[in-house]
PDB file of N, CA and C in Angstrom:
ATOM      1  N   UNK A   1       0.841  -1.184   0.000  1.00  0.00           N
ATOM      2  CA  UNK A   1       0.000   0.000   0.000  1.00  0.00           C
ATOM      3  C   UNK A   1       0.887   1.249   0.000  1.00  0.00           C
ATOM      4  N   UNK A   2       0.412   2.273  -0.599  1.00  0.00           N
ATOM      5  CA  UNK A   2       1.153   3.528  -0.668  1.00  0.00           C
ATOM      6  C   UNK A   2       0.599   4.514   0.361  1.00  0.00           C
ATOM      7  N   UNK A   3       1.438   5.449   0.773  1.00  0.00           N
ATOM      8  CA  UNK A   3       0.964   6.485   1.681  1.00  0.00           C
ATOM      9  C   UNK A   3       1.094   7.848   1.002  1.00  0.00           C
ATOM     10  N   UNK A   4       0.495   8.846   1.622  1.00  0.00           N
ATOM     11  CA  UNK A   4       0.462  10.175   1.020  1.00  0.00           C
ATOM     12  C   UNK A   4       1.855  10.776   0.905  1.00  0.00           C
ATOM     13  N   UNK A   5       2.732  10.472   1.847  1.00  0.00           N
ATOM     14  CA  UNK A   5       4.105  10.977   1.800  1.00  0.00           C
ATOM     15  C   UNK A   5       4.824  10.472   0.546  1.00  0.00           C
ATOM     16  N   UNK A   6       4.671   9.187   0.233  1.00  0.00           N
ATOM     17  CA  UNK A   6       5.275   8.638  -0.982  1.00  0.00           C
ATOM     18  C   UNK A   6       4.680   9.318  -2.214  1.00  0.00           C
ATOM     19  N   UNK A   7       3.366   9.481  -2.211  1.00  0.00           N
ATOM     20  CA  UNK A   7       2.677  10.105  -3.346  1.00  0.00           C
ATOM     21  C   UNK A   7       3.212  11.513  -3.620  1.00  0.00           C
ATOM     22  N   UNK A   8       3.369  12.312  -2.578  1.00  0.00           N
ATOM     23  CA  UNK A   8       3.790  13.706  -2.755  1.00  0.00           C
ATOM     24  C   UNK A   8       5.292  13.841  -2.983  1.00  0.00           C
ATOM     25  N   UNK A   9       6.095  13.090  -2.231  1.00  0.00           N
ATOM     26  CA  UNK A   9       7.545  13.312  -2.251  1.00  0.00           C
ATOM     27  C   UNK A   9       8.319  12.431  -3.222  1.00  0.00           C
ATOM     28  N   UNK A  10       7.821  11.246  -3.551  1.00  0.00           N
ATOM     29  CA  UNK A  10       8.536  10.375  -4.485  1.00  0.00           C
ATOM     30  C   UNK A  10       7.879  10.385  -5.859  1.00  0.00           C
ATOM     31  N   UNK A  11       6.576  10.172  -5.883  1.00  0.00           N
ATOM     32  CA  UNK A  11       5.847  10.201  -7.157  1.00  0.00           C
ATOM     33  C   UNK A  11       5.704  11.636  -7.668  1.00  0.00           C
ATOM     34  N   UNK A  12       5.779  12.581  -6.755  1.00  0.00           N
ATOM     35  CA  UNK A  12       5.623  14.008  -7.035  1.00  0.00           C
ATOM     36  C   UNK A  12       4.213  14.349  -7.507  1.00  0.00           C
ATOM     37  N   UNK A  13       3.254  13.668  -6.905  1.00  0.00           N
ATOM     38  CA  UNK A  13       1.853  13.908  -7.240  1.00  0.00           C
ATOM     39  C   UNK A  13       1.303  15.123  -6.524  1.00  0.00           C
ATOM     40  N   UNK A  14       0.336  15.758  -7.180  1.00  0.00           N
ATOM     41  CA  UNK A  14      -0.301  16.935  -6.584  1.00  0.00           C
ATOM     42  C   UNK A  14      -1.794  16.998  -6.889  1.00  0.00           C
ATOM     43  N   UNK A  15      -2.319  15.990  -7.533  1.00  0.00           N
ATOM     44  CA  UNK A  15      -3.717  15.999  -7.964  1.00  0.00           C
ATOM     45  C   UNK A  15      -4.671  15.639  -6.828  1.00  0.00           C
ATOM     46  N   UNK A  16      -4.294  14.682  -6.014  1.00  0.00           N
ATOM     47  CA  UNK A  16      -5.193  14.148  -4.990  1.00  0.00           C
ATOM     48  C   UNK A  16      -4.969  14.875  -3.662  1.00  0.00           C
ATOM     49  N   UNK A  17      -6.030  15.451  -3.075  1.00  0.00           N
ATOM     50  CA  UNK A  17      -5.881  16.054  -1.756  1.00  0.00           C
ATOM     51  C   UNK A  17      -5.691  14.970  -0.692  1.00  0.00           C
ATOM     52  N   UNK A  18      -5.008  15.318   0.380  1.00  0.00           N
ATOM     53  CA  UNK A  18      -4.668  14.330   1.411  1.00  0.00           C
ATOM     54  C   UNK A  18      -5.904  13.647   1.994  1.00  0.00           C
ATOM     55  N   UNK A  19      -6.991  14.391   2.185  1.00  0.00           N
ATOM     56  CA  UNK A  19      -8.189  13.805   2.796  1.00  0.00           C
ATOM     57  C   UNK A  19      -8.840  12.749   1.909  1.00  0.00           C
ATOM     58  N   UNK A  20      -8.614  12.793   0.616  1.00  0.00           N
ATOM     59  CA  UNK A  20      -9.199  11.820  -0.315  1.00  0.00           C
ATOM     60  C   UNK A  20      -8.261  10.667  -0.632  1.00  0.00           C
ATOM     61  N   UNK A  21      -7.004  10.788  -0.220  1.00  0.00           N
ATOM     62  CA  UNK A  21      -5.985   9.860  -0.698  1.00  0.00           C
ATOM     63  C   UNK A  21      -6.211   8.414  -0.273  1.00  0.00           C
ATOM     64  N   UNK A  22      -6.500   8.162   0.977  1.00  0.00           N
ATOM     65  CA  UNK A  22      -6.594   6.768   1.438  1.00  0.00           C
ATOM     66  C   UNK A  22      -7.692   6.005   0.710  1.00  0.00           C
ATOM     67  N   UNK A  23      -8.801   6.645   0.422  1.00  0.00           N
ATOM     68  CA  UNK A  23      -9.895   5.989  -0.296  1.00  0.00           C
ATOM     69  C   UNK A  23      -9.538   5.630  -1.729  1.00  0.00           C
ATOM     70  N   UNK A  24      -8.971   6.585  -2.458  1.00  0.00           N
ATOM     71  CA  UNK A  24      -8.631   6.305  -3.856  1.00  0.00           C
ATOM     72  C   UNK A  24      -7.433   5.361  -3.949  1.00  0.00           C
ATOM     73  N   UNK A  25      -6.520   5.425  -2.976  1.00  0.00           N
ATOM     74  CA  UNK A  25      -5.379   4.500  -2.969  1.00  0.00           C
ATOM     75  C   UNK A  25      -5.858   3.067  -2.734  1.00  0.00           C
ATOM     76  N   UNK A  26      -6.844   2.897  -1.861  1.00  0.00           N
ATOM     77  CA  UNK A  26      -7.397   1.562  -1.618  1.00  0.00           C
ATOM     78  C   UNK A  26      -8.094   1.023  -2.861  1.00  0.00           C
ATOM     79  N   UNK A  27      -8.832   1.871  -3.558  1.00  0.00           N
ATOM     80  CA  UNK A  27      -9.487   1.438  -4.805  1.00  0.00           C
ATOM     81  C   UNK A  27      -8.460   1.097  -5.871  1.00  0.00           C
ATOM     82  N   UNK A  28      -7.359   1.844  -5.932  1.00  0.00           N
ATOM     83  CA  UNK A  28      -6.286   1.546  -6.883  1.00  0.00           C
ATOM     84  C   UNK A  28      -5.642   0.202  -6.552  1.00  0.00           C
ATOM     85  N   UNK A  29      -5.430  -0.067  -5.271  1.00  0.00           N
ATOM     86  CA  UNK A  29      -4.835  -1.347  -4.855  1.00  0.00           C
ATOM     87  C   UNK A  29      -5.768  -2.509  -5.207  1.00  0.00           C
ATOM     88  N   UNK A  30      -7.064  -2.310  -5.028  1.00  0.00           N
ATOM     89  CA  UNK A  30      -8.039  -3.345  -5.415  1.00  0.00           C
ATOM     90  C   UNK A  30      -7.987  -3.599  -6.919  1.00  0.00           C
ATOM     91  N   UNK A  31      -7.861  -2.521  -7.688  1.00  0.00           N
ATOM     92  CA  UNK A  31      -7.800  -2.659  -9.145  1.00  0.00           C
ATOM     93  C   UNK A  31      -6.532  -3.395  -9.570  1.00  0.00           C
ATOM     94  N   UNK A  32      -5.408  -3.106  -8.914  1.00  0.00           N
ATOM     95  CA  UNK A  32      -4.163  -3.807  -9.240  1.00  0.00           C
ATOM     96  C   UNK A  32      -4.276  -5.289  -8.888  1.00  0.00           C
ATOM     97  N   UNK A  33      -4.928  -5.594  -7.798  1.00  0.00           N
ATOM     98  CA  UNK A  33      -5.143  -7.002  -7.424  1.00  0.00           C
ATOM     99  C   UNK A  33      -5.985  -7.712  -8.487  1.00  0.00           C
ATOM    100  N   UNK A  34      -7.000  -7.016  -9.013  1.00  0.00           N
ATOM    101  CA  UNK A  34      -7.829  -7.568 -10.093  1.00  0.00           C
ATOM    102  C   UNK A  34      -6.986  -7.800 -11.340  1.00  0.00           C
ATOM    103  N   UNK A  35      -6.118  -6.858 -11.669  1.00  0.00           N
ATOM    104  CA  UNK A  35      -5.237  -6.990 -12.839  1.00  0.00           C
ATOM    105  C   UNK A  35      -4.313  -8.185 -12.658  1.00  0.00           C
ATOM    106  N   UNK A  36      -3.781  -8.366 -11.460  1.00  0.00           N
ATOM    107  CA  UNK A  36      -2.895  -9.506 -11.176  1.00  0.00           C
ATOM    108  C   UNK A  36      -3.609 -10.850 -11.345  1.00  0.00           C
ATOM    109  N   UNK A  37      -4.898 -10.891 -11.082  1.00  0.00           N
ATOM    110  CA  UNK A  37      -5.656 -12.136 -11.274  1.00  0.00           C
ATOM    111  C   UNK A  37      -5.855 -12.449 -12.754  1.00  0.00           C
ATOM    112  N   UNK A  38      -5.863 -11.433 -13.591  1.00  0.00           N
ATOM    113  CA  UNK A  38      -6.133 -11.617 -15.017  1.00  0.00           C
ATOM    114  C   UNK A  38      -4.889 -11.710 -15.885  1.00  0.00           C
ATOM    115  N   UNK A  39      -3.803 -11.105 -15.445  1.00  0.00           N
ATOM    116  CA  UNK A  39      -2.591 -10.988 -16.258  1.00  0.00           C
ATOM    117  C   UNK A  39      -1.365 -11.410 -15.458  1.00  0.00           C
ATOM    118  N   UNK A  40      -0.264 -11.604 -16.184  1.00  0.00           N
ATOM    119  CA  UNK A  40       1.056 -11.740 -15.531  1.00  0.00           C
ATOM    120  C   UNK A  40       1.582 -10.333 -15.340  1.00  0.00           C
ATOM    121  N   UNK A  41       1.957 -10.021 -14.120  1.00  0.00           N
ATOM    122  CA  UNK A  41       2.435  -8.679 -13.782  1.00  0.00           C
ATOM    123  C   UNK A  41       3.809  -8.810 -13.143  1.00  0.00           C
ATOM    124  N   UNK A  42       4.783  -8.083 -13.697  1.00  0.00           N
ATOM    125  CA  UNK A  42       6.112  -8.069 -13.101  1.00  0.00           C
ATOM    126  C   UNK A  42       6.566  -6.625 -12.918  1.00  0.00           C
ATOM    127  N   UNK A  43       7.330  -6.430 -11.872  1.00  0.00           N
ATOM    128  CA  UNK A  43       7.867  -5.111 -11.559  1.00  0.00           C
ATOM    129  C   UNK A  43       8.394  -5.138 -10.139  1.00  0.00           C
ATOM    130  N   UNK A  44       9.279  -4.216  -9.811  1.00  0.00           N
ATOM    131  CA  UNK A  44       9.820  -4.178  -8.456  1.00  0.00           C
ATOM    132  C   UNK A  44       8.903  -3.375  -7.538  1.00  0.00           C
ATOM    133  N   UNK A  45       9.273  -3.263  -6.281  1.00  0.00           N
ATOM    134  CA  UNK A  45       8.443  -2.578  -5.292  1.00  0.00           C
ATOM    135  C   UNK A  45       8.191  -1.114  -5.617  1.00  0.00           C
ATOM    136  N   UNK A  46       9.215  -0.421  -6.089  1.00  0.00           N
ATOM    137  CA  UNK A  46       9.060   1.000  -6.431  1.00  0.00           C
ATOM    138  C   UNK A  46       8.149   1.169  -7.633  1.00  0.00           C
ATOM    139  N   UNK A  47       8.337   0.350  -8.665  1.00  0.00           N
ATOM    140  CA  UNK A  47       7.488   0.494  -9.855  1.00  0.00           C
ATOM    141  C   UNK A  47       6.027   0.173  -9.527  1.00  0.00           C
ATOM    142  N   UNK A  48       5.803  -0.757  -8.607  1.00  0.00           N
ATOM    143  CA  UNK A  48       4.426  -1.061  -8.198  1.00  0.00           C
ATOM    144  C   UNK A  48       3.811   0.123  -7.450  1.00  0.00           C
ATOM    145  N   UNK A  49       4.586   0.749  -6.577  1.00  0.00           N
ATOM    146  CA  UNK A  49       4.087   1.923  -5.853  1.00  0.00           C
ATOM    147  C   UNK A  49       3.810   3.082  -6.802  1.00  0.00           C
ATOM    148  N   UNK A  50       4.685   3.259  -7.794  1.00  0.00           N
ATOM    149  CA  UNK A  50       4.471   4.317  -8.786  1.00  0.00           C
ATOM    150  C   UNK A  50       3.195   4.044  -9.580  1.00  0.00           C
ATOM    151  N   UNK A  51       2.994   2.779  -9.955  1.00  0.00           N
ATOM    152  CA  UNK A  51       1.776   2.395 -10.678  1.00  0.00           C
ATOM    153  C   UNK A  51       0.548   2.675  -9.825  1.00  0.00           C
ATOM    154  N   UNK A  52       0.613   2.343  -8.545  1.00  0.00           N
ATOM    155  CA  UNK A  52      -0.517   2.596  -7.650  1.00  0.00           C
ATOM    156  C   UNK A  52      -0.826   4.085  -7.537  1.00  0.00           C
ATOM    157  N   UNK A  53       0.202   4.931  -7.528  1.00  0.00           N
ATOM    158  CA  UNK A  53      -0.022   6.379  -7.489  1.00  0.00           C
ATOM    159  C   UNK A  53      -0.733   6.853  -8.755  1.00  0.00           C
ATOM    160  N   UNK A  54      -0.256   6.391  -9.903  1.00  0.00           N
ATOM    161  CA  UNK A  54      -0.884   6.770 -11.171  1.00  0.00           C
ATOM    162  C   UNK A  54      -2.324   6.270 -11.223  1.00  0.00           C
ATOM    163  N   UNK A  55      -2.544   5.062 -10.750  1.00  0.00           N
ATOM    164  CA  UNK A  55      -3.893   4.500 -10.739  1.00  0.00           C
ATOM    165  C   UNK A  55      -4.789   5.262  -9.759  1.00  0.00           C
ATOM    166  N   UNK A  56      -4.247   5.670  -8.620  1.00  0.00           N
ATOM    167  CA  UNK A  56      -5.025   6.442  -7.643  1.00  0.00           C
ATOM    168  C   UNK A  56      -5.465   7.774  -8.253  1.00  0.00           C
ATOM    169  N   UNK A  57      -4.584   8.412  -9.011  1.00  0.00           N
ATOM    170  CA  UNK A  57      -4.964   9.661  -9.684  1.00  0.00           C
ATOM    171  C   UNK A  57      -6.083   9.411 -10.684  1.00  0.00           C
ATOM    172  N   UNK A  58      -6.036   8.284 -11.373  1.00  0.00           N
ATOM    173  CA  UNK A  58      -7.087   7.941 -12.327  1.00  0.00           C
ATOM    174  C   UNK A  58      -8.414   7.708 -11.612  1.00  0.00           C
ATOM    175  N   UNK A  59      -8.370   6.984 -10.498  1.00  0.00           N
ATOM    176  CA  UNK A  59      -9.589   6.765  -9.711  1.00  0.00           C
ATOM    177  C   UNK A  59     -10.147   8.111  -9.255  1.00  0.00           C
ATOM    178  N   UNK A  60      -9.279   8.988  -8.765  1.00  0.00           N
ATOM    179  CA  UNK A  60      -9.718  10.303  -8.297  1.00  0.00           C
ATOM    180  C   UNK A  60     -10.344  11.111  -9.439  1.00  0.00           C
ATOM    181  N   UNK A  61      -9.731  11.073 -10.610  1.00  0.00           N
ATOM    182  CA  UNK A  61     -10.249  11.822 -11.753  1.00  0.00           C
ATOM    183  C   UNK A  61     -11.615  11.307 -12.197  1.00  0.00           C
ATOM    184  N   UNK A  62     -11.838  10.009 -12.055  1.00  0.00           N
ATOM    185  CA  UNK A  62     -13.115   9.418 -12.468  1.00  0.00           C
ATOM    186  C   UNK A  62     -14.167   9.436 -11.368  1.00  0.00           C
ATOM    187  N   UNK A  63     -13.794   9.826 -10.163  1.00  0.00           N
ATOM    188  CA  UNK A  63     -14.721   9.716  -9.034  1.00  0.00           C
ATOM    189  C   UNK A  63     -15.940  10.625  -9.166  1.00  0.00           C
ATOM    190  N   UNK A  64     -15.823  11.717  -9.863  1.00  0.00           N
ATOM    191  CA  UNK A  64     -16.961  12.619 -10.018  1.00  0.00           C
ATOM    192  C   UNK A  64     -17.780  12.370 -11.263  1.00  0.00           C
ATOM    193  N   UNK A  65     -17.340  11.449 -12.086  1.00  0.00           N
ATOM    194  CA  UNK A  65     -18.037  11.193 -13.347  1.00  0.00           C
ATOM    195  C   UNK A  65     -19.092  10.121 -13.169  1.00  0.00           C
ATOM    196  N   UNK A  66     -20.206  10.332 -13.809  1.00  0.00           N
ATOM    197  CA  UNK A  66     -21.266   9.329 -13.804  1.00  0.00           C
ATOM    198  C   UNK A  66     -21.461   8.861 -15.233  1.00  0.00           C
ATOM    199  N   UNK A  67     -21.797   7.600 -15.357  1.00  0.00           N
ATOM    200  CA  UNK A  67     -22.055   7.057 -16.693  1.00  0.00           C
ATOM    201  C   UNK A  67     -23.322   7.685 -17.241  1.00  0.00           C
ATOM    202  N   UNK A  68     -23.253   8.162 -18.457  1.00  0.00           N
ATOM    203  CA  UNK A  68     -24.412   8.746 -19.114  1.00  0.00           C
ATOM    204  C   UNK A  68     -24.783   7.925 -20.328  1.00  0.00           C
ATOM    205  N   UNK A  69     -25.961   8.154 -20.821  1.00  0.00           N
ATOM    206  CA  UNK A  69     -26.413   7.415 -21.987  1.00  0.00           C
ATOM    207  C   UNK A  69     -25.687   7.945 -23.208  1.00  0.00           C
ATOM    208  N   UNK A  70     -25.000   7.058 -23.925  1.00  0.00           N
ATOM    209  CA  UNK A  70     -24.276   7.440 -25.133  1.00  0.00           C
ATOM    210  C   UNK A  70     -25.098   7.119 -26.367  1.00  0.00           C
ATOM    211  N   UNK A  71     -25.995   6.131 -26.277  1.00  0.00           N
ATOM    212  CA  UNK A  71     -26.837   5.760 -27.406  1.00  0.00           C
ATOM    213  C   UNK A  71     -28.124   5.153 -26.870  1.00  0.00           C
ATOM    214  N   UNK A  72     -29.182   5.304 -27.609  1.00  0.00           N
ATOM    215  CA  UNK A  72     -30.454   4.718 -27.192  1.00  0.00           C
ATOM    216  C   UNK A  72     -31.249   4.335 -28.430  1.00  0.00           C
ATOM    217  N   UNK A  73     -31.985   3.250 -28.351  1.00  0.00           N
ATOM    218  CA  UNK A  73     -32.886   2.816 -29.410  1.00  0.00           C
ATOM    219  C   UNK A  73     -34.251   2.610 -28.779  1.00  0.00           C
ATOM    220  N   UNK A  74     -35.262   3.221 -29.326  1.00  0.00           N
ATOM    221  CA  UNK A  74     -36.588   3.110 -28.730  1.00  0.00           C
ATOM    222  C   UNK A  74     -37.253   1.801 -29.132  1.00  0.00           C
ATOM    223  N   UNK A  75     -37.334   1.510 -30.418  1.00  0.00           N
ATOM    224  CA  UNK A  75     -37.929   0.254 -30.877  1.00  0.00           C
ATOM    225  C   UNK A  75     -36.993  -0.900 -30.577  1.00  0.00           C
ATOM    226  N   UNK A  76     -37.346  -1.770 -29.682  1.00  0.00           N
ATOM    227  CA  UNK A  76     -36.476  -2.873 -29.297  1.00  0.00           C
ATOM    228  C   UNK A  76     -35.679  -2.562 -28.037  1.00  0.00           C
ATOM    229  N   UNK A  77     -35.794  -1.361 -27.527  1.00  0.00           N
ATOM    230  CA  UNK A  77     -35.178  -0.880 -26.299  1.00  0.00           C
ATOM    231  C   UNK A  77     -33.722  -1.304 -26.158  1.00  0.00           C
ATOM    232  N   UNK A  78     -32.830  -0.504 -26.644  1.00  0.00           N
ATOM    233  CA  UNK A  78     -31.399  -0.739 -26.527  1.00  0.00           C
ATOM    234  C   UNK A  78     -30.753   0.518 -25.974  1.00  0.00           C
ATOM    235  N   UNK A  79     -29.976   0.392 -24.922  1.00  0.00           N
ATOM    236  CA  UNK A  79     -29.304   1.528 -24.304  1.00  0.00           C
ATOM    237  C   UNK A  79     -27.835   1.179 -24.142  1.00  0.00           C
ATOM    238  N   UNK A  80     -26.945   2.119 -24.441  1.00  0.00           N
ATOM    239  CA  UNK A  80     -25.516   1.932 -24.221  1.00  0.00           C
ATOM    240  C   UNK A  80     -25.028   3.098 -23.385  1.00  0.00           C
ATOM    241  N   UNK A  81     -24.262   2.800 -22.346  1.00  0.00           N
ATOM    242  CA  UNK A  81     -23.764   3.829 -21.443  1.00  0.00           C
ATOM    243  C   UNK A  81     -22.304   4.127 -21.723  1.00  0.00           C
ATOM    244  N   UNK A  82     -21.959   5.410 -21.690  1.00  0.00           N
ATOM    245  CA  UNK A  82     -20.555   5.776 -21.779  1.00  0.00           C
ATOM    246  C   UNK A  82     -19.924   5.573 -20.406  1.00  0.00           C
ATOM    247  N   UNK A  83     -18.643   5.465 -20.358  1.00  0.00           N
ATOM    248  CA  UNK A  83     -17.867   5.218 -19.141  1.00  0.00           C
ATOM    249  C   UNK A  83     -18.039   3.822 -18.580  1.00  0.00           C
ATOM    250  N   UNK A  84     -18.837   2.972 -19.206  1.00  0.00           N
ATOM    251  CA  UNK A  84     -18.948   1.602 -18.706  1.00  0.00           C
ATOM    252  C   UNK A  84     -17.682   0.867 -19.128  1.00  0.00           C
ATOM    253  N   UNK A  85     -16.784   0.674 -18.222  1.00  0.00           N
ATOM    254  CA  UNK A  85     -15.512   0.037 -18.530  1.00  0.00           C
ATOM    255  C   UNK A  85     -14.394   1.027 -18.799  1.00  0.00           C
ATOM    256  N   UNK A  86     -14.718   2.303 -18.886  1.00  0.00           N
ATOM    257  CA  UNK A  86     -13.683   3.303 -19.164  1.00  0.00           C
ATOM    258  C   UNK A  86     -12.675   3.384 -18.024  1.00  0.00           C
ATOM    259  N   UNK A  87     -13.148   3.287 -16.796  1.00  0.00           N
ATOM    260  CA  UNK A  87     -12.243   3.347 -15.654  1.00  0.00           C
ATOM    261  C   UNK A  87     -11.330   2.134 -15.633  1.00  0.00           C
ATOM    262  N   UNK A  88     -11.875   0.940 -15.855  1.00  0.00           N
ATOM    263  CA  UNK A  88     -11.051  -0.283 -15.881  1.00  0.00           C
ATOM    264  C   UNK A  88      -9.948  -0.169 -16.926  1.00  0.00           C
ATOM    265  N   UNK A  89     -10.304   0.302 -18.101  1.00  0.00           N
ATOM    266  CA  UNK A  89      -9.324   0.446 -19.179  1.00  0.00           C
ATOM    267  C   UNK A  89      -8.256   1.476 -18.817  1.00  0.00           C
ATOM    268  N   UNK A  90      -8.677   2.592 -18.247  1.00  0.00           N
ATOM    269  CA  UNK A  90      -7.731   3.641 -17.873  1.00  0.00           C
ATOM    270  C   UNK A  90      -6.782   3.160 -16.772  1.00  0.00           C
ATOM    271  N   UNK A  91      -7.302   2.384 -15.826  1.00  0.00           N
ATOM    272  CA  UNK A  91      -6.444   1.860 -14.755  1.00  0.00           C
ATOM    273  C   UNK A  91      -5.398   0.898 -15.301  1.00  0.00           C
ATOM    274  N   UNK A  92      -5.795   0.050 -16.232  1.00  0.00           N
ATOM    275  CA  UNK A  92      -4.851  -0.877 -16.852  1.00  0.00           C
ATOM    276  C   UNK A  92      -3.772  -0.108 -17.617  1.00  0.00           C
ATOM    277  N   UNK A  93      -4.169   0.931 -18.337  1.00  0.00           N
ATOM    278  CA  UNK A  93      -3.197   1.747 -19.076  1.00  0.00           C
ATOM    279  C   UNK A  93      -2.194   2.415 -18.139  1.00  0.00           C
ATOM    280  N   UNK A  94      -2.665   2.924 -17.008  1.00  0.00           N
ATOM    281  CA  UNK A  94      -1.764   3.562 -16.045  1.00  0.00           C
ATOM    282  C   UNK A  94      -0.809   2.544 -15.429  1.00  0.00           C
ATOM    283  N   UNK A  95      -1.321   1.371 -15.098  1.00  0.00           N
ATOM    284  CA  UNK A  95      -0.462   0.328 -14.519  1.00  0.00           C
ATOM    285  C   UNK A  95       0.623  -0.088 -15.505  1.00  0.00           C
ATOM    286  N   UNK A  96       0.299  -0.136 -16.791  1.00  0.00           N
ATOM    287  CA  UNK A  96       1.263  -0.553 -17.812  1.00  0.00           C
ATOM    288  C   UNK A  96       2.405   0.437 -17.998  1.00  0.00           C
ATOM    289  N   UNK A  97       2.240   1.657 -17.548  1.00  0.00           N
ATOM    290  CA  UNK A  97       3.328   2.632 -17.636  1.00  0.00           C
ATOM    291  C   UNK A  97       4.501   2.190 -16.762  1.00  0.00           C
ATOM    292  N   UNK A  98       4.197   1.607 -15.613  1.00  0.00           N
ATOM    293  CA  UNK A  98       5.230   1.263 -14.635  1.00  0.00           C
ATOM    294  C   UNK A  98       5.494  -0.231 -14.493  1.00  0.00           C
ATOM    295  N   UNK A  99       4.572  -1.061 -14.914  1.00  0.00           N
ATOM    296  CA  UNK A  99       4.688  -2.518 -14.731  1.00  0.00           C
ATOM    297  C   UNK A  99       4.618  -3.232 -16.071  1.00  0.00           C
ATOM    298  N   UNK A 100       5.254  -4.391 -16.160  1.00  0.00           N
ATOM    299  CA  UNK A 100       5.138  -5.231 -17.341  1.00  0.00           C
ATOM    300  C   UNK A 100       3.921  -6.119 -17.143  1.00  0.00           C
ATOM    301  N   UNK A 101       2.924  -5.938 -17.999  1.00  0.00           N
ATOM    302  CA  UNK A 101       1.666  -6.654 -17.869  1.00  0.00           C
ATOM    303  C   UNK A 101       1.353  -7.316 -19.205  1.00  0.00           C
ATOM    304  N   UNK A 102       1.171  -8.626 -19.159  1.00  0.00           N
ATOM    305  CA  UNK A 102       0.821  -9.335 -20.383  1.00  0.00           C
ATOM    306  C   UNK A 102       0.138 -10.651 -20.064  1.00  0.00           C
ATOM    307  N   UNK A 103      -0.542 -11.177 -21.065  1.00  0.00           N
ATOM    308  CA  UNK A 103      -1.126 -12.505 -20.954  1.00  0.00           C
ATOM    309  C   UNK A 103      -0.182 -13.446 -21.665  1.00  0.00           C
ATOM    310  N   UNK A 104      -0.171 -14.661 -21.240  1.00  0.00           N
ATOM    311  CA  UNK A 104       0.669 -15.626 -21.919  1.00  0.00           C
ATOM    312  C   UNK A 104       1.001 -16.791 -21.019  1.00  0.00           C
ATOM    313  N   UNK A 105       1.631 -17.753 -21.618  1.00  0.00           N
ATOM    314  CA  UNK A 105       2.004 -18.948 -20.880  1.00  0.00           C
ATOM    315  C   UNK A 105       3.166 -18.646 -19.954  1.00  0.00           C
ATOM    316  N   UNK A 106       3.141 -19.255 -18.792  1.00  0.00           N
ATOM    317  CA  UNK A 106       4.264 -19.107 -17.881  1.00  0.00           C
ATOM    318  C   UNK A 106       5.363 -20.070 -18.265  1.00  0.00           C
ATOM    319  N   UNK A 107       6.576 -19.621 -18.104  1.00  0.00           N
ATOM    320  CA  UNK A 107       7.728 -20.449 -18.482  1.00  0.00           C
ATOM    321  C   UNK A 107       8.247 -21.155 -17.252  1.00  0.00           C
TER     322      UNK A 107
END
């Protein structure tokens, strides 16, 4: 887990206020755990902490957004929401900046 001191002084982050940090950091850690269940993830302790900081900023940026209707069909009733999966994709992209993430056979 990362702390606010690491976020500000090592990652050099400034987006997340201290009062919001523990919540978004926990959600970022949960997302990384989900990624680890789906993919092979390699990286050292520092790169993992850096990834968690980037992911926490992404969670914070998406925290105020609500999914809205992007498309609708009246006959046959079909609705598609924007942002459905956008956060998951953005978190994976942020993690890939600092960690090696791929699917494949283990050697």
